[in-house]
Amino acid sequence: MEISERAERSPLMRLRVQRFMTQKQLGEALGVTEATVRNWESGRSVPKLTPVQYKKLLKILQITSDELPDQFGFPSDADG
């Protein structure tokens, strides 16, 4: 399994893999499905988190709000 190559694709995936978490584990911790996390990481959807989920995500990933990526999915040309 080429985790290091895959982890380069998505900022959220990189952070999640660094914490040795699966998509399912992260989804369960945030109260969303594994498919939802997969969609965030692929850039197919943008997280719409409640304040409680947002705080939980920061705690799980062990980052501050300033360290949270602007986009969880693949980098795009629309970054402005």
PDB file of N, CA and C in Angstrom:
ATOM      1  N   MET A   1       0.850  -1.191   0.000  1.00  0.00           N
ATOM      2  CA  MET A   1       0.000   0.000   0.000  1.00  0.00           C
ATOM      3  C   MET A   1       0.888   1.244   0.000  1.00  0.00           C
ATOM      4  N   GLU A   2       0.636   2.148  -0.910  1.00  0.00           N
ATOM      5  CA  GLU A   2       1.458   3.343  -1.051  1.00  0.00           C
ATOM      6  C   GLU A   2       0.810   4.513  -0.321  1.00  0.00           C
ATOM      7  N   ILE A   3       0.821   4.459   0.989  1.00  0.00           N
ATOM      8  CA  ILE A   3       0.161   5.499   1.775  1.00  0.00           C
ATOM      9  C   ILE A   3       0.820   6.855   1.543  1.00  0.00           C
ATOM     10  N   SER A   4       2.147   6.899   1.488  1.00  0.00           N
ATOM     11  CA  SER A   4       2.815   8.184   1.354  1.00  0.00           C
ATOM     12  C   SER A   4       2.440   8.887   0.053  1.00  0.00           C
ATOM     13  N   GLU A   5       2.312   8.131  -1.038  1.00  0.00           N
ATOM     14  CA  GLU A   5       1.911   8.750  -2.301  1.00  0.00           C
ATOM     15  C   GLU A   5       0.471   9.228  -2.224  1.00  0.00           C
ATOM     16  N   ARG A   6      -0.410   8.401  -1.692  1.00  0.00           N
ATOM     17  CA  ARG A   6      -1.816   8.782  -1.602  1.00  0.00           C
ATOM     18  C   ARG A   6      -2.001   9.973  -0.664  1.00  0.00           C
ATOM     19  N   ALA A   7      -1.202  10.032   0.374  1.00  0.00           N
ATOM     20  CA  ALA A   7      -1.370  11.093   1.360  1.00  0.00           C
ATOM     21  C   ALA A   7      -1.043  12.465   0.790  1.00  0.00           C
ATOM     22  N   GLU A   8      -0.279  12.505  -0.302  1.00  0.00           N
ATOM     23  CA  GLU A   8       0.060  13.788  -0.905  1.00  0.00           C
ATOM     24  C   GLU A   8      -1.137  14.417  -1.607  1.00  0.00           C
ATOM     25  N   ARG A   9      -2.150  13.619  -1.855  1.00  0.00           N
ATOM     26  CA  ARG A   9      -3.267  14.102  -2.671  1.00  0.00           C
ATOM     27  C   ARG A   9      -4.189  15.064  -1.937  1.00  0.00           C
ATOM     28  N   SER A  10      -4.372  14.871  -0.663  1.00  0.00           N
ATOM     29  CA  SER A  10      -5.384  15.629   0.061  1.00  0.00           C
ATOM     30  C   SER A  10      -4.834  16.074   1.416  1.00  0.00           C
ATOM     31  N   PRO A  11      -4.950  17.368   1.732  1.00  0.00           N
ATOM     32  CA  PRO A  11      -4.487  17.823   3.046  1.00  0.00           C
ATOM     33  C   PRO A  11      -5.180  17.096   4.203  1.00  0.00           C
ATOM     34  N   LEU A  12      -6.476  16.861   4.069  1.00  0.00           N
ATOM     35  CA  LEU A  12      -7.186  16.160   5.137  1.00  0.00           C
ATOM     36  C   LEU A  12      -6.691  14.721   5.248  1.00  0.00           C
ATOM     37  N   MET A  13      -6.485  14.063   4.111  1.00  0.00           N
ATOM     38  CA  MET A  13      -5.990  12.689   4.142  1.00  0.00           C
ATOM     39  C   MET A  13      -4.615  12.639   4.806  1.00  0.00           C
ATOM     40  N   ARG A  14      -3.757  13.590   4.474  1.00  0.00           N
ATOM     41  CA  ARG A  14      -2.414  13.628   5.048  1.00  0.00           C
ATOM     42  C   ARG A  14      -2.494  13.742   6.573  1.00  0.00           C
ATOM     43  N   LEU A  15      -3.318  14.656   7.063  1.00  0.00           N
ATOM     44  CA  LEU A  15      -3.473  14.834   8.505  1.00  0.00           C
ATOM     45  C   LEU A  15      -4.066  13.597   9.160  1.00  0.00           C
ATOM     46  N   ARG A  16      -5.043  13.014   8.515  1.00  0.00           N
ATOM     47  CA  ARG A  16      -5.702  11.820   9.058  1.00  0.00           C
ATOM     48  C   ARG A  16      -4.721  10.661   9.131  1.00  0.00           C
ATOM     49  N   VAL A  17      -3.959  10.443   8.060  1.00  0.00           N
ATOM     50  CA  VAL A  17      -3.005   9.335   8.027  1.00  0.00           C
ATOM     51  C   VAL A  17      -1.910   9.538   9.076  1.00  0.00           C
ATOM     52  N   GLN A  18      -1.504  10.785   9.294  1.00  0.00           N
ATOM     53  CA  GLN A  18      -0.495  11.068  10.317  1.00  0.00           C
ATOM     54  C   GLN A  18      -0.989  10.669  11.709  1.00  0.00           C
ATOM     55  N   ARG A  19      -2.309  10.677  11.889  1.00  0.00           N
ATOM     56  CA  ARG A  19      -2.894  10.307  13.186  1.00  0.00           C
ATOM     57  C   ARG A  19      -3.292   8.824  13.205  1.00  0.00           C
ATOM     58  N   PHE A  20      -2.898   8.080  12.153  1.00  0.00           N
ATOM     59  CA  PHE A  20      -3.190   6.644  12.045  1.00  0.00           C
ATOM     60  C   PHE A  20      -4.686   6.355  12.165  1.00  0.00           C
ATOM     61  N   MET A  21      -5.482   7.197  11.501  1.00  0.00           N
ATOM     62  CA  MET A  21      -6.931   7.038  11.530  1.00  0.00           C
ATOM     63  C   MET A  21      -7.437   6.615  10.162  1.00  0.00           C
ATOM     64  N   THR A  22      -8.500   5.826  10.161  1.00  0.00           N
ATOM     65  CA  THR A  22      -9.168   5.481   8.919  1.00  0.00           C
ATOM     66  C   THR A  22     -10.241   6.533   8.642  1.00  0.00           C
ATOM     67  N   GLN A  23     -10.745   6.532   7.415  1.00  0.00           N
ATOM     68  CA  GLN A  23     -11.859   7.427   7.082  1.00  0.00           C
ATOM     69  C   GLN A  23     -13.054   7.101   7.971  1.00  0.00           C
ATOM     70  N   LYS A  24     -13.262   5.811   8.214  1.00  0.00           N
ATOM     71  CA  LYS A  24     -14.390   5.392   9.043  1.00  0.00           C
ATOM     72  C   LYS A  24     -14.248   5.919  10.470  1.00  0.00           C
ATOM     73  N   GLN A  25     -13.046   5.823  11.041  1.00  0.00           N
ATOM     74  CA  GLN A  25     -12.827   6.296  12.411  1.00  0.00           C
ATOM     75  C   GLN A  25     -13.050   7.810  12.511  1.00  0.00           C
ATOM     76  N   LEU A  26     -12.544   8.549  11.538  1.00  0.00           N
ATOM     77  CA  LEU A  26     -12.732  10.000  11.561  1.00  0.00           C
ATOM     78  C   LEU A  26     -14.209  10.338  11.405  1.00  0.00           C
ATOM     79  N   GLY A  27     -14.875   9.655  10.487  1.00  0.00           N
ATOM     80  CA  GLY A  27     -16.305   9.897  10.288  1.00  0.00           C
ATOM     81  C   GLY A  27     -17.105   9.616  11.547  1.00  0.00           C
ATOM     82  N   GLU A  28     -16.826   8.478  12.195  1.00  0.00           N
ATOM     83  CA  GLU A  28     -17.549   8.132  13.418  1.00  0.00           C
ATOM     84  C   GLU A  28     -17.311   9.176  14.510  1.00  0.00           C
ATOM     85  N   ALA A  29     -16.079   9.673  14.611  1.00  0.00           N
ATOM     86  CA  ALA A  29     -15.765  10.670  15.632  1.00  0.00           C
ATOM     87  C   ALA A  29     -16.519  11.978  15.394  1.00  0.00           C
ATOM     88  N   LEU A  30     -16.778  12.277  14.112  1.00  0.00           N
ATOM     89  CA  LEU A  30     -17.453  13.528  13.772  1.00  0.00           C
ATOM     90  C   LEU A  30     -18.953  13.351  13.546  1.00  0.00           C
ATOM     91  N   GLY A  31     -19.417  12.101  13.595  1.00  0.00           N
ATOM     92  CA  GLY A  31     -20.837  11.854  13.389  1.00  0.00           C
ATOM     93  C   GLY A  31     -21.253  11.921  11.932  1.00  0.00           C
ATOM     94  N   VAL A  32     -20.313  11.605  11.021  1.00  0.00           N
ATOM     95  CA  VAL A  32     -20.625  11.550   9.591  1.00  0.00           C
ATOM     96  C   VAL A  32     -20.209  10.179   9.074  1.00  0.00           C
ATOM     97  N   THR A  33     -20.577   9.879   7.843  1.00  0.00           N
ATOM     98  CA  THR A  33     -20.262   8.562   7.288  1.00  0.00           C
ATOM     99  C   THR A  33     -18.838   8.538   6.720  1.00  0.00           C
ATOM    100  N   GLU A  34     -18.352   7.324   6.535  1.00  0.00           N
ATOM    101  CA  GLU A  34     -17.053   7.134   5.891  1.00  0.00           C
ATOM    102  C   GLU A  34     -17.075   7.736   4.487  1.00  0.00           C
ATOM    103  N   ALA A  35     -18.202   7.575   3.786  1.00  0.00           N
ATOM    104  CA  ALA A  35     -18.329   8.126   2.435  1.00  0.00           C
ATOM    105  C   ALA A  35     -18.222   9.646   2.449  1.00  0.00           C
ATOM    106  N   THR A  36     -18.738  10.284   3.486  1.00  0.00           N
ATOM    107  CA  THR A  36     -18.639  11.744   3.604  1.00  0.00           C
ATOM    108  C   THR A  36     -17.187  12.169   3.714  1.00  0.00           C
ATOM    109  N   VAL A  37     -16.426  11.486   4.566  1.00  0.00           N
ATOM    110  CA  VAL A  37     -14.997  11.803   4.715  1.00  0.00           C
ATOM    111  C   VAL A  37     -14.276  11.580   3.383  1.00  0.00           C
ATOM    112  N   ARG A  38     -14.601  10.494   2.703  1.00  0.00           N
ATOM    113  CA  ARG A  38     -13.986  10.199   1.405  1.00  0.00           C
ATOM    114  C   ARG A  38     -14.289  11.324   0.407  1.00  0.00           C
ATOM    115  N   ASN A  39     -15.523  11.825   0.424  1.00  0.00           N
ATOM    116  CA  ASN A  39     -15.899  12.922  -0.478  1.00  0.00           C
ATOM    117  C   ASN A  39     -15.147  14.203  -0.143  1.00  0.00           C
ATOM    118  N   TRP A  40     -14.937  14.468   1.141  1.00  0.00           N
ATOM    119  CA  TRP A  40     -14.146  15.644   1.534  1.00  0.00           C
ATOM    120  C   TRP A  40     -12.733  15.526   0.995  1.00  0.00           C
ATOM    121  N   GLU A  41     -12.133  14.350   1.186  1.00  0.00           N
ATOM    122  CA  GLU A  41     -10.744  14.155   0.787  1.00  0.00           C
ATOM    123  C   GLU A  41     -10.571  14.199  -0.721  1.00  0.00           C
ATOM    124  N   SER A  42     -11.576  13.784  -1.455  1.00  0.00           N
ATOM    125  CA  SER A  42     -11.474  13.781  -2.913  1.00  0.00           C
ATOM    126  C   SER A  42     -11.846  15.134  -3.500  1.00  0.00           C
ATOM    127  N   GLY A  43     -12.388  16.024  -2.671  1.00  0.00           N
ATOM    128  CA  GLY A  43     -12.805  17.327  -3.160  1.00  0.00           C
ATOM    129  C   GLY A  43     -14.189  17.326  -3.773  1.00  0.00           C
ATOM    130  N   ARG A  44     -14.903  16.195  -3.662  1.00  0.00           N
ATOM    131  CA  ARG A  44     -16.258  16.116  -4.234  1.00  0.00           C
ATOM    132  C   ARG A  44     -17.261  16.919  -3.415  1.00  0.00           C
ATOM    133  N   SER A  45     -16.975  17.093  -2.127  1.00  0.00           N
ATOM    134  CA  SER A  45     -17.863  17.913  -1.305  1.00  0.00           C
ATOM    135  C   SER A  45     -17.034  18.680  -0.283  1.00  0.00           C
ATOM    136  N   VAL A  46     -17.628  19.735   0.224  1.00  0.00           N
ATOM    137  CA  VAL A  46     -16.969  20.594   1.202  1.00  0.00           C
ATOM    138  C   VAL A  46     -17.633  20.363   2.550  1.00  0.00           C
ATOM    139  N   PRO A  47     -16.841  20.192   3.609  1.00  0.00           N
ATOM    140  CA  PRO A  47     -17.441  19.952   4.923  1.00  0.00           C
ATOM    141  C   PRO A  47     -18.324  21.113   5.364  1.00  0.00           C
ATOM    142  N   LYS A  48     -19.476  20.769   5.894  1.00  0.00           N
ATOM    143  CA  LYS A  48     -20.354  21.743   6.524  1.00  0.00           C
ATOM    144  C   LYS A  48     -20.469  21.294   7.968  1.00  0.00           C
ATOM    145  N   LEU A  49     -19.501  21.727   8.770  1.00  0.00           N
ATOM    146  CA  LEU A  49     -19.392  21.251  10.149  1.00  0.00           C
ATOM    147  C   LEU A  49     -20.082  22.194  11.117  1.00  0.00           C
ATOM    148  N   THR A  50     -20.683  21.605  12.142  1.00  0.00           N
ATOM    149  CA  THR A  50     -21.200  22.407  13.241  1.00  0.00           C
ATOM    150  C   THR A  50     -20.002  22.876  14.069  1.00  0.00           C
ATOM    151  N   PRO A  51     -20.183  23.893  14.919  1.00  0.00           N
ATOM    152  CA  PRO A  51     -19.069  24.307  15.781  1.00  0.00           C
ATOM    153  C   PRO A  51     -18.519  23.162  16.629  1.00  0.00           C
ATOM    154  N   VAL A  52     -19.388  22.288  17.111  1.00  0.00           N
ATOM    155  CA  VAL A  52     -18.930  21.151  17.916  1.00  0.00           C
ATOM    156  C   VAL A  52     -18.075  20.209  17.067  1.00  0.00           C
ATOM    157  N   GLN A  53     -18.527  19.911  15.832  1.00  0.00           N
ATOM    158  CA  GLN A  53     -17.761  19.037  14.937  1.00  0.00           C
ATOM    159  C   GLN A  53     -16.415  19.674  14.568  1.00  0.00           C
ATOM    160  N   TYR A  54     -16.431  20.979  14.341  1.00  0.00           N
ATOM    161  CA  TYR A  54     -15.217  21.707  13.978  1.00  0.00           C
ATOM    162  C   TYR A  54     -14.180  21.597  15.101  1.00  0.00           C
ATOM    163  N   LYS A  55     -14.621  21.847  16.323  1.00  0.00           N
ATOM    164  CA  LYS A  55     -13.706  21.752  17.471  1.00  0.00           C
ATOM    165  C   LYS A  55     -13.190  20.328  17.638  1.00  0.00           C
ATOM    166  N   LYS A  56     -14.068  19.364  17.426  1.00  0.00           N
ATOM    167  CA  LYS A  56     -13.681  17.961  17.556  1.00  0.00           C
ATOM    168  C   LYS A  56     -12.643  17.602  16.490  1.00  0.00           C
ATOM    169  N   LEU A  57     -12.841  18.096  15.256  1.00  0.00           N
ATOM    170  CA  LEU A  57     -11.904  17.822  14.173  1.00  0.00           C
ATOM    171  C   LEU A  57     -10.518  18.366  14.520  1.00  0.00           C
ATOM    172  N   LEU A  58     -10.463  19.582  15.022  1.00  0.00           N
ATOM    173  CA  LEU A  58      -9.177  20.170  15.401  1.00  0.00           C
ATOM    174  C   LEU A  58      -8.500  19.342  16.488  1.00  0.00           C
ATOM    175  N   LYS A  59      -9.284  18.899  17.453  1.00  0.00           N
ATOM    176  CA  LYS A  59      -8.733  18.107  18.555  1.00  0.00           C
ATOM    177  C   LYS A  59      -8.215  16.759  18.039  1.00  0.00           C
ATOM    178  N   ILE A  60      -9.004  16.086  17.191  1.00  0.00           N
ATOM    179  CA  ILE A  60      -8.620  14.786  16.641  1.00  0.00           C
ATOM    180  C   ILE A  60      -7.326  14.904  15.825  1.00  0.00           C
ATOM    181  N   LEU A  61      -7.256  15.936  14.987  1.00  0.00           N
ATOM    182  CA  LEU A  61      -6.094  16.107  14.114  1.00  0.00           C
ATOM    183  C   LEU A  61      -4.917  16.763  14.834  1.00  0.00           C
ATOM    184  N   GLN A  62      -5.156  17.219  16.054  1.00  0.00           N
ATOM    185  CA  GLN A  62      -4.122  17.848  16.878  1.00  0.00           C
ATOM    186  C   GLN A  62      -3.516  19.058  16.186  1.00  0.00           C
ATOM    187  N   ILE A  63      -4.408  19.907  15.682  1.00  0.00           N
ATOM    188  CA  ILE A  63      -3.976  21.124  15.005  1.00  0.00           C
ATOM    189  C   ILE A  63      -4.798  22.296  15.523  1.00  0.00           C
ATOM    190  N   THR A  64      -4.323  23.509  15.232  1.00  0.00           N
ATOM    191  CA  THR A  64      -5.079  24.716  15.563  1.00  0.00           C
ATOM    192  C   THR A  64      -5.909  25.114  14.348  1.00  0.00           C
ATOM    193  N   SER A  65      -6.827  26.034  14.557  1.00  0.00           N
ATOM    194  CA  SER A  65      -7.643  26.484  13.423  1.00  0.00           C
ATOM    195  C   SER A  65      -6.774  27.130  12.345  1.00  0.00           C
ATOM    196  N   ASP A  66      -5.667  27.760  12.738  1.00  0.00           N
ATOM    197  CA  ASP A  66      -4.757  28.356  11.757  1.00  0.00           C
ATOM    198  C   ASP A  66      -4.057  27.301  10.908  1.00  0.00           C
ATOM    199  N   GLU A  67      -3.871  26.112  11.453  1.00  0.00           N
ATOM    200  CA  GLU A  67      -3.192  25.034  10.727  1.00  0.00           C
ATOM    201  C   GLU A  67      -4.139  24.231   9.837  1.00  0.00           C
ATOM    202  N   LEU A  68      -5.443  24.433  10.030  1.00  0.00           N
ATOM    203  CA  LEU A  68      -6.417  23.696   9.238  1.00  0.00           C
ATOM    204  C   LEU A  68      -6.329  24.141   7.778  1.00  0.00           C
ATOM    205  N   PRO A  69      -6.220  23.191   6.840  1.00  0.00           N
ATOM    206  CA  PRO A  69      -6.120  23.573   5.427  1.00  0.00           C
ATOM    207  C   PRO A  69      -7.368  24.320   4.959  1.00  0.00           C
ATOM    208  N   ASP A  70      -7.181  25.247   4.041  1.00  0.00           N
ATOM    209  CA  ASP A  70      -8.323  25.968   3.480  1.00  0.00           C
ATOM    210  C   ASP A  70      -9.206  25.030   2.684  1.00  0.00           C
ATOM    211  N   GLN A  71      -8.587  24.021   2.065  1.00  0.00           N
ATOM    212  CA  GLN A  71      -9.340  23.023   1.317  1.00  0.00           C
ATOM    213  C   GLN A  71      -8.898  21.644   1.778  1.00  0.00           C
ATOM    214  N   PHE A  72      -9.853  20.744   1.952  1.00  0.00           N
ATOM    215  CA  PHE A  72      -9.529  19.388   2.382  1.00  0.00           C
ATOM    216  C   PHE A  72      -9.204  18.479   1.200  1.00  0.00           C
ATOM    217  N   GLY A  73      -9.772  18.802   0.053  1.00  0.00           N
ATOM    218  CA  GLY A  73      -9.605  17.948  -1.116  1.00  0.00           C
ATOM    219  C   GLY A  73      -8.383  18.309  -1.917  1.00  0.00           C
ATOM    220  N   PHE A  74      -8.392  17.887  -3.171  1.00  0.00           N
ATOM    221  CA  PHE A  74      -7.265  18.132  -4.054  1.00  0.00           C
ATOM    222  C   PHE A  74      -7.099  19.624  -4.271  1.00  0.00           C
ATOM    223  N   PRO A  75      -5.854  20.103  -4.376  1.00  0.00           N
ATOM    224  CA  PRO A  75      -5.656  21.517  -4.722  1.00  0.00           C
ATOM    225  C   PRO A  75      -6.280  21.797  -6.090  1.00  0.00           C
ATOM    226  N   SER A  76      -6.864  22.965  -6.221  1.00  0.00           N
ATOM    227  CA  SER A  76      -7.475  23.314  -7.504  1.00  0.00           C
ATOM    228  C   SER A  76      -6.963  24.669  -7.971  1.00  0.00           C
ATOM    229  N   ASP A  77      -7.245  24.997  -9.212  1.00  0.00           N
ATOM    230  CA  ASP A  77      -6.800  26.260  -9.760  1.00  0.00           C
ATOM    231  C   ASP A  77      -7.686  27.408  -9.288  1.00  0.00           C
ATOM    232  N   ALA A  78      -8.768  27.099  -8.601  1.00  0.00           N
ATOM    233  CA  ALA A  78      -9.704  28.133  -8.175  1.00  0.00           C
ATOM    234  C   ALA A  78      -9.328  28.723  -6.824  1.00  0.00           C
ATOM    235  N   ASP A  79      -8.099  28.513  -6.379  1.00  0.00           N
ATOM    236  CA  ASP A  79      -7.694  28.950  -5.049  1.00  0.00           C
ATOM    237  C   ASP A  79      -7.574  30.469  -4.930  1.00  0.00           C
ATOM    238  N   GLY A  80      -7.666  31.200  -6.029  1.00  0.00           N
ATOM    239  CA  GLY A  80      -7.700  32.630  -5.992  1.00  0.00           C
ATOM    240  C   GLY A  80      -6.403  33.242  -5.599  1.00  0.00           C
TER     241      GLY A  80
END
